[in-house]
Amino acid sequence: MAGVLACAVPLPAGYRPGDILAFHRRDAQALSERADEAGFSKAMLWGGKPACLSIRFTAAGARVRLALDGRAPAGSRVRLESMARRMLGLTQGVEAFEQAYREHPVIGALLARQAGLRVPVAATPFEALTWAITGQQVSVAAAVSIRRRFIGSIGKPHSSGLVCYPDPEQIAALSPEALREAGFSTAKAATLSALSRLVADGGLPLDDWLDAPPITEIRDRLLGIRGIGPWTADYTLLRGFGWMDGSLHGDVAVRRALQLLTAAPDKIGEKAAQQWLSAFSPWRALVAAHLWASLSNTAY
């Protein structure tokens, strides 16, 4: 029996739906997500059941709908609204950041051009973490291709025609060879296998941390997993929990955008980028997002 949940989420004045839509338009083949000018749909597992999340933007706010191929578990409605607010970046406090730095001699003009920018957040911290691992040291296009093959090989289909992003239990059941066939390197396959087993067994309770993330503990736990370094940990905290203070100085695009913004004659190294970003704590990751966005109007 199918179940449908729905809620309405108000949006602040000047909200930028385009940033959210670009993130869910990464894969032009639209295997797991599809987006148009008014909203997006995304297939995902909800309590182990295939579901399709739909968020449509209107003048009054965002209309959120979850269609499940099965009954909704208890507590789903509250969880749905909380997830939608997080995915839409409504917990990020960007107004305080812009107020503090709108007169800044370097980034003030950037903030004026990109006022209201929020970071799109993944549906779950696990998806954010696996996306971060997928994107390590490869282009966005290559990461999207691997992600598509990965979802297509093991994802469960939803009745909408979209394919659900795999959960930890599904990935933990795979052999490293199966992950390599999807396009992951030997090292990434080993990291994904170990990580998925850890999450599936409760050793890394990512979802339990959503309401009040213990950032230091999460970061330390992630860094203790072979194959996860500072960039992956901080990117996961940004995309999975909406944490705004990760220092993404190791990101090539951040450094390239910083070079252009400051008109530096030479490439900016990680140490120099780290030092420059440190002045903006507790908003370093949001500054990085503005730097990403300054390079392109596509997903970052």
C-alpha atoms as a PDB file:
ATOM      1  CA  MET A   1       0.000   0.000   0.000  1.00  0.00           C
ATOM      2  CA  ALA A   2       1.402   3.380  -1.000  1.00  0.00           C
ATOM      3  CA  GLY A   3       1.645   6.242   1.471  1.00  0.00           C
ATOM      4  CA  VAL A   4       1.901   9.981   0.852  1.00  0.00           C
ATOM      5  CA  LEU A   5       3.139  12.618   3.254  1.00  0.00           C
ATOM      6  CA  ALA A   6       3.079  16.356   2.598  1.00  0.00           C
ATOM      7  CA  CYS A   7       3.962  19.625   4.266  1.00  0.00           C
ATOM      8  CA  ALA A   8       4.538  23.266   3.384  1.00  0.00           C
ATOM      9  CA  VAL A   9       7.771  25.078   4.245  1.00  0.00           C
ATOM     10  CA  PRO A  10       7.877  28.901   4.222  1.00  0.00           C
ATOM     11  CA  LEU A  11      10.885  30.502   2.539  1.00  0.00           C
ATOM     12  CA  PRO A  12      12.563  33.812   3.404  1.00  0.00           C
ATOM     13  CA  ALA A  13      12.426  36.821   1.122  1.00  0.00           C
ATOM     14  CA  GLY A  14      15.025  36.640  -1.612  1.00  0.00           C
ATOM     15  CA  TYR A  15      15.325  32.859  -1.432  1.00  0.00           C
ATOM     16  CA  ARG A  16      17.335  31.410  -4.347  1.00  0.00           C
ATOM     17  CA  PRO A  17      15.773  28.144  -5.537  1.00  0.00           C
ATOM     18  CA  GLY A  18      18.189  28.030  -8.468  1.00  0.00           C
ATOM     19  CA  ASP A  19      21.053  26.985  -6.185  1.00  0.00           C
ATOM     20  CA  ILE A  20      19.071  23.997  -4.944  1.00  0.00           C
ATOM     21  CA  LEU A  21      17.840  23.038  -8.407  1.00  0.00           C
ATOM     22  CA  ALA A  22      21.367  23.122  -9.870  1.00  0.00           C
ATOM     23  CA  PHE A  23      22.550  20.644  -7.249  1.00  0.00           C
ATOM     24  CA  HIS A  24      19.788  18.191  -8.160  1.00  0.00           C
ATOM     25  CA  ARG A  25      20.430  18.694 -11.865  1.00  0.00           C
ATOM     26  CA  ARG A  26      23.983  17.355 -11.717  1.00  0.00           C
ATOM     27  CA  ASP A  27      23.151  14.225 -13.678  1.00  0.00           C
ATOM     28  CA  ALA A  28      21.664  15.131 -17.057  1.00  0.00           C
ATOM     29  CA  GLN A  29      20.425  11.546 -17.434  1.00  0.00           C
ATOM     30  CA  ALA A  30      18.179  12.052 -14.365  1.00  0.00           C
ATOM     31  CA  LEU A  31      18.458   8.500 -13.084  1.00  0.00           C
ATOM     32  CA  SER A  32      17.845   9.296  -9.431  1.00  0.00           C
ATOM     33  CA  GLU A  33      16.801  12.958  -9.487  1.00  0.00           C
ATOM     34  CA  ARG A  34      15.027  15.164 -11.974  1.00  0.00           C
ATOM     35  CA  ALA A  35      14.594  18.912 -11.838  1.00  0.00           C
ATOM     36  CA  ASP A  36      12.806  21.615 -13.802  1.00  0.00           C
ATOM     37  CA  GLU A  37      12.456  25.333 -13.238  1.00  0.00           C
ATOM     38  CA  ALA A  38       9.889  24.939 -10.462  1.00  0.00           C
ATOM     39  CA  GLY A  39      11.258  22.090  -8.363  1.00  0.00           C
ATOM     40  CA  PHE A  40      12.847  18.673  -8.187  1.00  0.00           C
ATOM     41  CA  SER A  41      12.067  15.047  -7.424  1.00  0.00           C
ATOM     42  CA  LYS A  42      14.467  12.594  -5.842  1.00  0.00           C
ATOM     43  CA  ALA A  43      14.194   8.857  -5.223  1.00  0.00           C
ATOM     44  CA  MET A  44      15.473   7.621  -1.893  1.00  0.00           C
ATOM     45  CA  LEU A  45      14.969   4.851   0.621  1.00  0.00           C
ATOM     46  CA  TRP A  46      12.730   5.782   3.549  1.00  0.00           C
ATOM     47  CA  GLY A  47      12.722   3.221   6.309  1.00  0.00           C
ATOM     48  CA  GLY A  48      14.041   0.744   3.752  1.00  0.00           C
ATOM     49  CA  LYS A  49      11.136   1.407   1.353  1.00  0.00           C
ATOM     50  CA  PRO A  50      11.466   3.136  -2.029  1.00  0.00           C
ATOM     51  CA  ALA A  51      10.186   6.697  -1.846  1.00  0.00           C
ATOM     52  CA  CYS A  52      10.146   9.779  -4.026  1.00  0.00           C
ATOM     53  CA  LEU A  53      10.688  13.199  -2.486  1.00  0.00           C
ATOM     54  CA  SER A  54       9.230  16.134  -4.409  1.00  0.00           C
ATOM     55  CA  ILE A  55       9.858  19.782  -3.569  1.00  0.00           C
ATOM     56  CA  ARG A  56       8.094  22.441  -5.633  1.00  0.00           C
ATOM     57  CA  PHE A  57       8.793  26.155  -5.255  1.00  0.00           C
ATOM     58  CA  THR A  58       5.881  28.608  -5.260  1.00  0.00           C
ATOM     59  CA  ALA A  59       5.385  32.258  -4.415  1.00  0.00           C
ATOM     60  CA  ALA A  60       4.199  31.154  -0.969  1.00  0.00           C
ATOM     61  CA  GLY A  61       7.129  28.847  -0.180  1.00  0.00           C
ATOM     62  CA  ALA A  62       8.003  25.221  -0.843  1.00  0.00           C
ATOM     63  CA  ARG A  63       5.526  22.363  -1.163  1.00  0.00           C
ATOM     64  CA  VAL A  64       7.064  19.120   0.047  1.00  0.00           C
ATOM     65  CA  ARG A  65       5.665  15.686  -0.799  1.00  0.00           C
ATOM     66  CA  LEU A  66       6.952  12.188  -0.125  1.00  0.00           C
ATOM     67  CA  ALA A  67       5.377   9.269  -1.994  1.00  0.00           C
ATOM     68  CA  LEU A  68       6.310   5.868  -0.563  1.00  0.00           C
ATOM     69  CA  ASP A  69       5.933   2.436  -2.097  1.00  0.00           C
ATOM     70  CA  GLY A  70       4.612   1.202   1.243  1.00  0.00           C
ATOM     71  CA  ARG A  71       3.443   2.568   4.567  1.00  0.00           C
ATOM     72  CA  ALA A  72       5.249   5.458   6.219  1.00  0.00           C
ATOM     73  CA  PRO A  73       6.996   4.575   9.495  1.00  0.00           C
ATOM     74  CA  ALA A  74       5.990   6.401  12.672  1.00  0.00           C
ATOM     75  CA  GLY A  75       7.443   9.886  12.990  1.00  0.00           C
ATOM     76  CA  SER A  76       7.847  10.321   9.243  1.00  0.00           C
ATOM     77  CA  ARG A  77       5.998  13.624   8.975  1.00  0.00           C
ATOM     78  CA  VAL A  78       8.226  15.425  11.469  1.00  0.00           C
ATOM     79  CA  ARG A  79      11.306  13.861   9.909  1.00  0.00           C
ATOM     80  CA  LEU A  80      10.180  14.949   6.442  1.00  0.00           C
ATOM     81  CA  GLU A  81       9.815  18.604   7.349  1.00  0.00           C
ATOM     82  CA  SER A  82      13.130  18.622   9.192  1.00  0.00           C
ATOM     83  CA  MET A  83      14.883  17.012   6.208  1.00  0.00           C
ATOM     84  CA  ALA A  84      13.325  19.464   3.757  1.00  0.00           C
ATOM     85  CA  ARG A  85      14.407  22.479   5.803  1.00  0.00           C
ATOM     86  CA  ARG A  86      17.928  21.108   6.021  1.00  0.00           C
ATOM     87  CA  MET A  87      18.110  20.284   2.292  1.00  0.00           C
ATOM     88  CA  LEU A  88      16.885  23.782   1.410  1.00  0.00           C
ATOM     89  CA  GLY A  89      19.573  25.402   3.554  1.00  0.00           C
ATOM     90  CA  LEU A  90      17.099  27.039   5.915  1.00  0.00           C
ATOM     91  CA  THR A  91      19.137  26.193   9.016  1.00  0.00           C
ATOM     92  CA  GLN A  92      22.280  27.968   7.835  1.00  0.00           C
ATOM     93  CA  GLY A  93      21.841  31.494   9.176  1.00  0.00           C
ATOM     94  CA  VAL A  94      23.218  33.126   6.034  1.00  0.00           C
ATOM     95  CA  GLU A  95      21.605  36.453   6.924  1.00  0.00           C
ATOM     96  CA  ALA A  96      23.934  36.899   9.907  1.00  0.00           C
ATOM     97  CA  PHE A  97      26.940  36.076   7.741  1.00  0.00           C
ATOM     98  CA  GLU A  98      25.981  38.585   5.064  1.00  0.00           C
ATOM     99  CA  GLN A  99      25.266  41.251   7.657  1.00  0.00           C
ATOM    100  CA  ALA A 100      28.701  40.746   9.198  1.00  0.00           C
ATOM    101  CA  TYR A 101      30.670  40.830   5.935  1.00  0.00           C
ATOM    102  CA  ARG A 102      28.701  42.920   3.471  1.00  0.00           C
ATOM    103  CA  GLU A 103      31.225  45.774   3.813  1.00  0.00           C
ATOM    104  CA  HIS A 104      34.272  43.490   3.645  1.00  0.00           C
ATOM    105  CA  PRO A 105      36.831  44.911   1.170  1.00  0.00           C
ATOM    106  CA  VAL A 106      37.360  41.575  -0.597  1.00  0.00           C
ATOM    107  CA  ILE A 107      34.181  39.516  -0.365  1.00  0.00           C
ATOM    108  CA  GLY A 108      31.669  42.339   0.119  1.00  0.00           C
ATOM    109  CA  ALA A 109      31.071  42.742  -3.610  1.00  0.00           C
ATOM    110  CA  LEU A 110      30.845  38.956  -4.027  1.00  0.00           C
ATOM    111  CA  LEU A 111      28.159  38.759  -1.331  1.00  0.00           C
ATOM    112  CA  ALA A 112      26.221  41.585  -2.958  1.00  0.00           C
ATOM    113  CA  ARG A 113      26.156  39.694  -6.271  1.00  0.00           C
ATOM    114  CA  GLN A 114      25.249  36.404  -4.594  1.00  0.00           C
ATOM    115  CA  ALA A 115      23.067  37.594  -1.738  1.00  0.00           C
ATOM    116  CA  GLY A 116      20.985  34.845  -0.191  1.00  0.00           C
ATOM    117  CA  LEU A 117      23.188  31.980  -1.362  1.00  0.00           C
ATOM    118  CA  ARG A 118      22.663  28.812   0.656  1.00  0.00           C
ATOM    119  CA  VAL A 119      24.425  25.476   0.408  1.00  0.00           C
ATOM    120  CA  PRO A 120      22.238  22.630  -0.873  1.00  0.00           C
ATOM    121  CA  VAL A 121      22.395  19.754   1.601  1.00  0.00           C
ATOM    122  CA  ALA A 122      22.053  16.061   0.714  1.00  0.00           C
ATOM    123  CA  ALA A 123      19.012  14.089   1.843  1.00  0.00           C
ATOM    124  CA  THR A 124      21.124  12.156   4.367  1.00  0.00           C
ATOM    125  CA  PRO A 125      24.611  12.515   5.847  1.00  0.00           C
ATOM    126  CA  PHE A 126      25.426   9.065   4.439  1.00  0.00           C
ATOM    127  CA  GLU A 127      24.662  10.201   0.904  1.00  0.00           C
ATOM    128  CA  ALA A 128      26.773  13.316   1.465  1.00  0.00           C
ATOM    129  CA  LEU A 129      29.680  11.226   2.723  1.00  0.00           C
ATOM    130  CA  THR A 130      29.568   8.731  -0.119  1.00  0.00           C
ATOM    131  CA  TRP A 131      29.302  11.596  -2.631  1.00  0.00           C
ATOM    132  CA  ALA A 132      32.366  13.214  -1.049  1.00  0.00           C
ATOM    133  CA  ILE A 133      34.326   9.969  -1.376  1.00  0.00           C
ATOM    134  CA  THR A 134      33.175   9.574  -4.972  1.00  0.00           C
ATOM    135  CA  GLY A 135      34.406  13.064  -5.783  1.00  0.00           C
ATOM    136  CA  GLN A 136      37.878  12.710  -4.277  1.00  0.00           C
ATOM    137  CA  GLN A 137      40.508  13.829  -6.806  1.00  0.00           C
ATOM    138  CA  VAL A 138      38.241  13.533  -9.847  1.00  0.00           C
ATOM    139  CA  SER A 139      36.233  16.071 -11.827  1.00  0.00           C
ATOM    140  CA  VAL A 140      32.570  16.684 -11.071  1.00  0.00           C
ATOM    141  CA  ALA A 141      31.661  15.135 -14.434  1.00  0.00           C
ATOM    142  CA  ALA A 142      33.606  11.967 -13.623  1.00  0.00           C
ATOM    143  CA  ALA A 143      32.084  11.778 -10.130  1.00  0.00           C
ATOM    144  CA  VAL A 144      28.558  12.146 -11.546  1.00  0.00           C
ATOM    145  CA  SER A 145      29.233   9.342 -14.037  1.00  0.00           C
ATOM    146  CA  ILE A 146      30.489   7.000 -11.313  1.00  0.00           C
ATOM    147  CA  ARG A 147      27.566   7.918  -9.082  1.00  0.00           C
ATOM    148  CA  ARG A 148      25.115   7.133 -11.884  1.00  0.00           C
ATOM    149  CA  ARG A 149      26.644   3.703 -12.531  1.00  0.00           C
ATOM    150  CA  PHE A 150      26.688   3.024  -8.803  1.00  0.00           C
ATOM    151  CA  ILE A 151      23.005   3.894  -8.326  1.00  0.00           C
ATOM    152  CA  GLY A 152      22.002   2.056 -11.478  1.00  0.00           C
ATOM    153  CA  SER A 153      23.772  -1.144 -10.452  1.00  0.00           C
ATOM    154  CA  ILE A 154      22.282  -1.564  -6.960  1.00  0.00           C
ATOM    155  CA  GLY A 155      19.619   1.109  -6.398  1.00  0.00           C
ATOM    156  CA  LYS A 156      16.022   0.043  -5.842  1.00  0.00           C
ATOM    157  CA  PRO A 157      13.512   1.472  -8.335  1.00  0.00           C
ATOM    158  CA  HIS A 158      10.602   3.615  -7.191  1.00  0.00           C
ATOM    159  CA  SER A 159       7.222   3.507  -8.914  1.00  0.00           C
ATOM    160  CA  SER A 160       7.917   7.014 -10.280  1.00  0.00           C
ATOM    161  CA  GLY A 161      10.592   5.537 -12.523  1.00  0.00           C
ATOM    162  CA  LEU A 162      13.472   7.087 -10.558  1.00  0.00           C
ATOM    163  CA  VAL A 163      16.048   4.874  -8.836  1.00  0.00           C
ATOM    164  CA  CYS A 164      16.744   5.230  -5.115  1.00  0.00           C
ATOM    165  CA  TYR A 165      20.152   6.120  -3.763  1.00  0.00           C
ATOM    166  CA  PRO A 166      21.553   2.995  -2.013  1.00  0.00           C
ATOM    167  CA  ASP A 167      21.583   2.797   1.773  1.00  0.00           C
ATOM    168  CA  PRO A 168      24.455   1.553   3.985  1.00  0.00           C
ATOM    169  CA  GLU A 169      23.055  -1.975   4.236  1.00  0.00           C
ATOM    170  CA  GLN A 170      22.956  -2.365   0.456  1.00  0.00           C
ATOM    171  CA  ILE A 171      26.518  -1.173  -0.015  1.00  0.00           C
ATOM    172  CA  ALA A 172      27.840  -3.191   2.933  1.00  0.00           C
ATOM    173  CA  ALA A 173      26.478  -6.324   1.268  1.00  0.00           C
ATOM    174  CA  LEU A 174      28.519  -5.690  -1.895  1.00  0.00           C
ATOM    175  CA  SER A 175      31.992  -6.966  -2.561  1.00  0.00           C
ATOM    176  CA  PRO A 176      34.748  -4.444  -3.314  1.00  0.00           C
ATOM    177  CA  GLU A 177      34.832  -5.972  -6.803  1.00  0.00           C
ATOM    178  CA  ALA A 178      31.220  -4.915  -7.392  1.00  0.00           C
ATOM    179  CA  LEU A 179      32.069  -1.360  -6.367  1.00  0.00           C
ATOM    180  CA  ARG A 180      35.074  -1.325  -8.671  1.00  0.00           C
ATOM    181  CA  GLU A 181      32.823  -2.397 -11.536  1.00  0.00           C
ATOM    182  CA  ALA A 182      30.780   0.745 -10.883  1.00  0.00           C
ATOM    183  CA  GLY A 183      33.902   2.821 -11.478  1.00  0.00           C
ATOM    184  CA  PHE A 184      35.393   3.255  -8.011  1.00  0.00           C
ATOM    185  CA  SER A 185      39.124   2.858  -7.543  1.00  0.00           C
ATOM    186  CA  THR A 186      40.390   0.034  -5.365  1.00  0.00           C
ATOM    187  CA  ALA A 187      41.062   2.470  -2.510  1.00  0.00           C
ATOM    188  CA  LYS A 188      37.641   4.143  -2.742  1.00  0.00           C
ATOM    189  CA  ALA A 189      35.872   0.780  -2.946  1.00  0.00           C
ATOM    190  CA  ALA A 190      37.608  -0.330   0.240  1.00  0.00           C
ATOM    191  CA  THR A 191      36.691   2.926   2.004  1.00  0.00           C
ATOM    192  CA  LEU A 192      33.035   2.704   0.937  1.00  0.00           C
ATOM    193  CA  SER A 193      32.795  -0.927   2.059  1.00  0.00           C
ATOM    194  CA  ALA A 194      34.313  -0.221   5.469  1.00  0.00           C
ATOM    195  CA  LEU A 195      32.263   2.934   5.948  1.00  0.00           C
ATOM    196  CA  SER A 196      28.973   1.290   4.971  1.00  0.00           C
ATOM    197  CA  ARG A 197      29.528  -1.611   7.346  1.00  0.00           C
ATOM    198  CA  LEU A 198      30.315   0.831  10.129  1.00  0.00           C
ATOM    199  CA  VAL A 199      27.125   2.840   9.529  1.00  0.00           C
ATOM    200  CA  ALA A 200      24.960  -0.267   9.030  1.00  0.00           C
ATOM    201  CA  ASP A 201      26.236  -1.781  12.290  1.00  0.00           C
ATOM    202  CA  GLY A 202      25.587   1.406  14.268  1.00  0.00           C
ATOM    203  CA  GLY A 203      29.249   2.249  14.794  1.00  0.00           C
ATOM    204  CA  LEU A 204      28.819   5.576  12.973  1.00  0.00           C
ATOM    205  CA  PRO A 205      25.265   6.768  13.768  1.00  0.00           C
ATOM    206  CA  LEU A 206      25.092   9.600  11.237  1.00  0.00           C
ATOM    207  CA  ASP A 207      21.312  10.020  11.290  1.00  0.00           C
ATOM    208  CA  ASP A 208      21.215  10.064  15.087  1.00  0.00           C
ATOM    209  CA  TRP A 209      23.433  13.140  15.025  1.00  0.00           C
ATOM    210  CA  LEU A 210      21.213  15.236  12.758  1.00  0.00           C
ATOM    211  CA  ASP A 211      19.322  17.240  15.381  1.00  0.00           C
ATOM    212  CA  ALA A 212      22.388  18.360  17.354  1.00  0.00           C
ATOM    213  CA  PRO A 213      25.553  17.369  15.476  1.00  0.00           C
ATOM    214  CA  PRO A 214      28.607  16.890  17.744  1.00  0.00           C
ATOM    215  CA  ILE A 215      30.896  18.329  15.085  1.00  0.00           C
ATOM    216  CA  THR A 216      34.233  17.579  16.725  1.00  0.00           C
ATOM    217  CA  GLU A 217      33.267  13.983  17.443  1.00  0.00           C
ATOM    218  CA  ILE A 218      31.901  13.407  13.936  1.00  0.00           C
ATOM    219  CA  ARG A 219      34.998  14.890  12.332  1.00  0.00           C
ATOM    220  CA  ASP A 220      37.346  12.845  14.523  1.00  0.00           C
ATOM    221  CA  ARG A 221      35.399   9.658  13.826  1.00  0.00           C
ATOM    222  CA  LEU A 222      35.465  10.299  10.081  1.00  0.00           C
ATOM    223  CA  LEU A 223      39.182  11.037  10.071  1.00  0.00           C
ATOM    224  CA  GLY A 224      39.747   7.713  11.813  1.00  0.00           C
ATOM    225  CA  ILE A 225      38.445   5.860   8.736  1.00  0.00           C
ATOM    226  CA  ARG A 226      41.084   4.923   6.203  1.00  0.00           C
ATOM    227  CA  GLY A 227      40.580   6.896   3.000  1.00  0.00           C
ATOM    228  CA  ILE A 228      38.902   9.901   4.619  1.00  0.00           C
ATOM    229  CA  GLY A 229      40.976  13.050   4.984  1.00  0.00           C
ATOM    230  CA  PRO A 230      40.235  16.626   6.091  1.00  0.00           C
ATOM    231  CA  TRP A 231      38.606  17.704   2.807  1.00  0.00           C
ATOM    232  CA  THR A 232      36.244  14.720   2.764  1.00  0.00           C
ATOM    233  CA  ALA A 233      35.334  15.180   6.440  1.00  0.00           C
ATOM    234  CA  ASP A 234      34.658  18.909   6.120  1.00  0.00           C
ATOM    235  CA  TYR A 235      32.760  18.524   2.850  1.00  0.00           C
ATOM    236  CA  THR A 236      30.603  15.827   4.476  1.00  0.00           C
ATOM    237  CA  LEU A 237      29.867  18.065   7.443  1.00  0.00           C
ATOM    238  CA  LEU A 238      28.821  20.811   5.037  1.00  0.00           C
ATOM    239  CA  ARG A 239      26.712  18.698   2.660  1.00  0.00           C
ATOM    240  CA  GLY A 240      25.415  16.274   5.259  1.00  0.00           C
ATOM    241  CA  PHE A 241      24.771  18.471   8.306  1.00  0.00           C
ATOM    242  CA  GLY A 242      24.865  22.027   6.983  1.00  0.00           C
ATOM    243  CA  TRP A 243      27.916  22.906   9.102  1.00  0.00           C
ATOM    244  CA  MET A 244      29.230  26.254   7.926  1.00  0.00           C
ATOM    245  CA  ASP A 245      32.740  26.292   9.397  1.00  0.00           C
ATOM    246  CA  GLY A 246      34.685  23.569   7.598  1.00  0.00           C
ATOM    247  CA  SER A 247      37.897  24.846   6.049  1.00  0.00           C
ATOM    248  CA  LEU A 248      37.805  23.651   2.445  1.00  0.00           C
ATOM    249  CA  HIS A 249      41.229  25.033   1.618  1.00  0.00           C
ATOM    250  CA  GLY A 250      42.186  21.721   0.009  1.00  0.00           C
ATOM    251  CA  ASP A 251      39.538  22.211  -2.696  1.00  0.00           C
ATOM    252  CA  VAL A 252      41.086  23.109  -6.055  1.00  0.00           C
ATOM    253  CA  ALA A 253      38.061  25.146  -7.165  1.00  0.00           C
ATOM    254  CA  VAL A 254      38.077  27.146  -3.927  1.00  0.00           C
ATOM    255  CA  ARG A 255      41.727  28.050  -4.441  1.00  0.00           C
ATOM    256  CA  ARG A 256      41.193  28.925  -8.103  1.00  0.00           C
ATOM    257  CA  ALA A 257      38.259  31.193  -7.249  1.00  0.00           C
ATOM    258  CA  LEU A 258      40.252  32.794  -4.450  1.00  0.00           C
ATOM    259  CA  GLN A 259      43.078  33.539  -6.855  1.00  0.00           C
ATOM    260  CA  LEU A 260      40.647  35.258  -9.216  1.00  0.00           C
ATOM    261  CA  LEU A 261      38.894  37.135  -6.418  1.00  0.00           C
ATOM    262  CA  THR A 262      42.118  38.514  -4.973  1.00  0.00           C
ATOM    263  CA  ALA A 263      43.801  38.987  -8.367  1.00  0.00           C
ATOM    264  CA  ALA A 264      46.788  36.987  -7.150  1.00  0.00           C
ATOM    265  CA  PRO A 265      49.423  36.570  -9.891  1.00  0.00           C
ATOM    266  CA  ASP A 266      50.241  32.983  -8.907  1.00  0.00           C
ATOM    267  CA  LYS A 267      48.259  29.914  -7.887  1.00  0.00           C
ATOM    268  CA  ILE A 268      47.247  29.918  -4.241  1.00  0.00           C
ATOM    269  CA  GLY A 269      48.451  26.946  -2.215  1.00  0.00           C
ATOM    270  CA  GLU A 270      46.576  25.084   0.486  1.00  0.00           C
ATOM    271  CA  LYS A 271      48.406  26.753   3.374  1.00  0.00           C
ATOM    272  CA  ALA A 272      47.727  30.247   2.054  1.00  0.00           C
ATOM    273  CA  ALA A 273      44.065  29.401   1.379  1.00  0.00           C
ATOM    274  CA  GLN A 274      43.689  27.948   4.866  1.00  0.00           C
ATOM    275  CA  GLN A 275      45.140  31.090   6.387  1.00  0.00           C
ATOM    276  CA  TRP A 276      42.884  33.354   4.309  1.00  0.00           C
ATOM    277  CA  LEU A 277      39.729  31.386   5.130  1.00  0.00           C
ATOM    278  CA  SER A 278      40.543  31.297   8.847  1.00  0.00           C
ATOM    279  CA  ALA A 279      39.583  34.959   9.186  1.00  0.00           C
ATOM    280  CA  PHE A 280      35.963  34.067   8.369  1.00  0.00           C
ATOM    281  CA  SER A 281      35.353  31.437  11.053  1.00  0.00           C
ATOM    282  CA  PRO A 282      32.632  30.303  11.862  1.00  0.00           C
ATOM    283  CA  TRP A 283      31.591  30.791   8.213  1.00  0.00           C
ATOM    284  CA  ARG A 284      34.552  29.338   6.310  1.00  0.00           C
ATOM    285  CA  ALA A 285      32.511  26.740   4.408  1.00  0.00           C
ATOM    286  CA  LEU A 286      29.932  29.342   3.398  1.00  0.00           C
ATOM    287  CA  VAL A 287      32.737  31.538   2.071  1.00  0.00           C
ATOM    288  CA  ALA A 288      33.960  28.500   0.118  1.00  0.00           C
ATOM    289  CA  ALA A 289      30.452  28.062  -1.301  1.00  0.00           C
ATOM    290  CA  HIS A 290      30.462  31.676  -2.480  1.00  0.00           C
ATOM    291  CA  LEU A 291      33.835  31.061  -4.102  1.00  0.00           C
ATOM    292  CA  TRP A 292      32.487  27.961  -5.859  1.00  0.00           C
ATOM    293  CA  ALA A 293      29.443  29.872  -7.068  1.00  0.00           C
ATOM    294  CA  SER A 294      31.604  32.713  -8.392  1.00  0.00           C
ATOM    295  CA  LEU A 295      33.135  30.311 -10.915  1.00  0.00           C
ATOM    296  CA  SER A 296      29.912  28.944 -12.351  1.00  0.00           C
ATOM    297  CA  ASN A 297      26.137  29.017 -12.202  1.00  0.00           C
ATOM    298  CA  THR A 298      26.034  25.232 -12.122  1.00  0.00           C
ATOM    299  CA  ALA A 299      26.172  22.806  -9.183  1.00  0.00           C
ATOM    300  CA  TYR A 300      29.173  23.047  -6.899  1.00  0.00           C
END
